[in-house]
Amino acid sequence: MSSSQKTHDHKKIQKWAEERGGVPAKIKNTGKDEDDGVLRIHFPKHSDADDRFEEIPWVDFFQNFDENKLDLLYQDKKADGETSTFHKFVNRED
């Protein structure tokens, strides 16, 4: 059985993503004016050539992440023990 964890710790999030080949990204054309748009952690090796994603610097990613009071819900391992890239952003509970 796989279990999920939740965090808003920047170092943990960046480490988790980079260990899996993930990069901070936004979905193009989803933001307004200066807004970064919809945040994602994109795993280029796990998807076809997809130009919907625009890689952004971690500092910009985390600024938007914190401004929107988000947590990352993620899994380390799948039920079969393989490394997981499952994640989603959820509202932070204060």
C-alpha atoms as a PDB file:
ATOM      1  CA  MET A   1       0.000   0.000   0.000  1.00  0.00           C
ATOM      2  CA  SER A   2       1.296   3.474  -0.828  1.00  0.00           C
ATOM      3  CA  SER A   3       0.886   6.437   1.454  1.00  0.00           C
ATOM      4  CA  SER A   4       0.868  10.162   0.816  1.00  0.00           C
ATOM      5  CA  GLN A   5       2.598  12.928   2.694  1.00  0.00           C
ATOM      6  CA  LYS A   6       1.938  16.639   2.755  1.00  0.00           C
ATOM      7  CA  THR A   7       4.418  19.506   3.084  1.00  0.00           C
ATOM      8  CA  HIS A   8       5.100  23.121   2.244  1.00  0.00           C
ATOM      9  CA  ASP A   9       8.822  22.831   3.078  1.00  0.00           C
ATOM     10  CA  HIS A  10      10.653  24.242   0.056  1.00  0.00           C
ATOM     11  CA  LYS A  11      13.761  22.085   0.475  1.00  0.00           C
ATOM     12  CA  LYS A  12      11.752  18.861   0.749  1.00  0.00           C
ATOM     13  CA  ILE A  13       9.665  19.740  -2.306  1.00  0.00           C
ATOM     14  CA  GLN A  14      12.656  20.660  -4.446  1.00  0.00           C
ATOM     15  CA  LYS A  15      14.585  17.545  -3.365  1.00  0.00           C
ATOM     16  CA  TRP A  16      11.587  15.254  -4.021  1.00  0.00           C
ATOM     17  CA  ALA A  17      11.040  16.743  -7.485  1.00  0.00           C
ATOM     18  CA  GLU A  18      14.687  16.784  -8.570  1.00  0.00           C
ATOM     19  CA  GLU A  19      15.255  13.175  -7.430  1.00  0.00           C
ATOM     20  CA  ARG A  20      12.566  12.211  -9.964  1.00  0.00           C
ATOM     21  CA  GLY A  21      13.709  14.513 -12.782  1.00  0.00           C
ATOM     22  CA  GLY A  22      11.007  17.084 -12.030  1.00  0.00           C
ATOM     23  CA  VAL A  23      11.266  20.785 -12.774  1.00  0.00           C
ATOM     24  CA  PRO A  24       9.155  23.723 -11.577  1.00  0.00           C
ATOM     25  CA  ALA A  25       6.763  24.836 -14.272  1.00  0.00           C
ATOM     26  CA  LYS A  26       3.595  26.679 -15.090  1.00  0.00           C
ATOM     27  CA  ILE A  27       0.980  25.857 -17.656  1.00  0.00           C
ATOM     28  CA  LYS A  28       1.228  28.449 -20.407  1.00  0.00           C
ATOM     29  CA  ASN A  29      -1.577  30.936 -20.916  1.00  0.00           C
ATOM     30  CA  THR A  30      -3.258  30.238 -17.578  1.00  0.00           C
ATOM     31  CA  GLY A  31      -2.044  33.325 -15.701  1.00  0.00           C
ATOM     32  CA  LYS A  32      -3.213  36.903 -15.762  1.00  0.00           C
ATOM     33  CA  ASP A  33      -0.755  39.761 -16.261  1.00  0.00           C
ATOM     34  CA  GLU A  34       2.147  39.141 -13.845  1.00  0.00           C
ATOM     35  CA  ASP A  35       0.597  35.974 -12.413  1.00  0.00           C
ATOM     36  CA  ASP A  36       2.647  32.835 -13.069  1.00  0.00           C
ATOM     37  CA  GLY A  37      -0.419  30.821 -13.932  1.00  0.00           C
ATOM     38  CA  VAL A  38      -1.190  27.264 -12.871  1.00  0.00           C
ATOM     39  CA  LEU A  39       1.793  25.710 -11.106  1.00  0.00           C
ATOM     40  CA  ARG A  40       3.046  22.225 -11.844  1.00  0.00           C
ATOM     41  CA  ILE A  41       6.015  20.039 -11.201  1.00  0.00           C
ATOM     42  CA  HIS A  42       6.729  18.751 -14.679  1.00  0.00           C
ATOM     43  CA  PHE A  43       8.506  15.457 -15.347  1.00  0.00           C
ATOM     44  CA  PRO A  44       9.805  15.816 -18.924  1.00  0.00           C
ATOM     45  CA  LYS A  45      11.111  12.228 -19.076  1.00  0.00           C
ATOM     46  CA  HIS A  46       7.642  10.902 -18.232  1.00  0.00           C
ATOM     47  CA  SER A  47       5.721  12.792 -20.900  1.00  0.00           C
ATOM     48  CA  ASP A  48       5.745  13.309 -24.625  1.00  0.00           C
ATOM     49  CA  ALA A  49       7.044  16.582 -26.003  1.00  0.00           C
ATOM     50  CA  ASP A  50       4.499  18.884 -24.433  1.00  0.00           C
ATOM     51  CA  ASP A  51       4.784  22.595 -25.018  1.00  0.00           C
ATOM     52  CA  ARG A  52       1.987  23.436 -22.557  1.00  0.00           C
ATOM     53  CA  PHE A  53       4.578  23.603 -19.789  1.00  0.00           C
ATOM     54  CA  GLU A  54       7.001  26.456 -19.286  1.00  0.00           C
ATOM     55  CA  GLU A  55       9.864  25.823 -16.886  1.00  0.00           C
ATOM     56  CA  ILE A  56      10.256  28.565 -14.269  1.00  0.00           C
ATOM     57  CA  PRO A  57      12.908  29.197 -11.598  1.00  0.00           C
ATOM     58  CA  TRP A  58      12.359  27.590  -8.200  1.00  0.00           C
ATOM     59  CA  VAL A  59      12.302  31.034  -6.571  1.00  0.00           C
ATOM     60  CA  ASP A  60       9.330  32.074  -8.747  1.00  0.00           C
ATOM     61  CA  PHE A  61       7.622  28.733  -8.193  1.00  0.00           C
ATOM     62  CA  PHE A  62       7.884  29.010  -4.412  1.00  0.00           C
ATOM     63  CA  GLN A  63       6.806  32.653  -4.382  1.00  0.00           C
ATOM     64  CA  ASN A  64       3.580  31.694  -6.173  1.00  0.00           C
ATOM     65  CA  PHE A  65       3.258  28.529  -4.032  1.00  0.00           C
ATOM     66  CA  ASP A  66       3.464  30.553  -0.803  1.00  0.00           C
ATOM     67  CA  GLU A  67       1.276  33.428  -2.010  1.00  0.00           C
ATOM     68  CA  ASN A  68      -1.461  30.897  -2.750  1.00  0.00           C
ATOM     69  CA  LYS A  69      -0.909  29.102   0.586  1.00  0.00           C
ATOM     70  CA  LEU A  70      -0.418  25.699  -0.980  1.00  0.00           C
ATOM     71  CA  ASP A  71       0.883  22.377   0.291  1.00  0.00           C
ATOM     72  CA  LEU A  72       2.267  19.579  -1.825  1.00  0.00           C
ATOM     73  CA  LEU A  73       0.573  16.223  -1.377  1.00  0.00           C
ATOM     74  CA  TYR A  74       2.967  13.568  -2.696  1.00  0.00           C
ATOM     75  CA  GLN A  75       3.994   9.919  -2.638  1.00  0.00           C
ATOM     76  CA  ASP A  76       7.518   8.538  -2.326  1.00  0.00           C
ATOM     77  CA  LYS A  77       6.663   5.034  -3.553  1.00  0.00           C
ATOM     78  CA  LYS A  78       3.866   3.376  -5.509  1.00  0.00           C
ATOM     79  CA  ALA A  79       2.051   0.377  -4.058  1.00  0.00           C
ATOM     80  CA  ASP A  80       4.427  -1.923  -5.976  1.00  0.00           C
ATOM     81  CA  GLY A  81       7.479  -0.192  -4.433  1.00  0.00           C
ATOM     82  CA  GLU A  82       8.501   1.778  -7.519  1.00  0.00           C
ATOM     83  CA  THR A  83       9.410   5.451  -7.169  1.00  0.00           C
ATOM     84  CA  SER A  84       6.310   7.600  -7.509  1.00  0.00           C
ATOM     85  CA  THR A  85       5.844  10.965  -9.199  1.00  0.00           C
ATOM     86  CA  PHE A  86       2.270  11.315  -7.914  1.00  0.00           C
ATOM     87  CA  HIS A  87       1.629  14.747  -6.485  1.00  0.00           C
ATOM     88  CA  LYS A  88      -0.972  17.460  -6.348  1.00  0.00           C
ATOM     89  CA  PHE A  89      -1.275  20.890  -4.816  1.00  0.00           C
ATOM     90  CA  VAL A  90      -3.787  21.366  -2.033  1.00  0.00           C
ATOM     91  CA  ASN A  91      -4.807  24.336   0.100  1.00  0.00           C
ATOM     92  CA  ARG A  92      -2.633  24.724   3.172  1.00  0.00           C
ATOM     93  CA  GLU A  93      -4.375  24.173   6.458  1.00  0.00           C
ATOM     94  CA  ASP A  94      -3.186  26.756   8.980  1.00  0.00           C
END
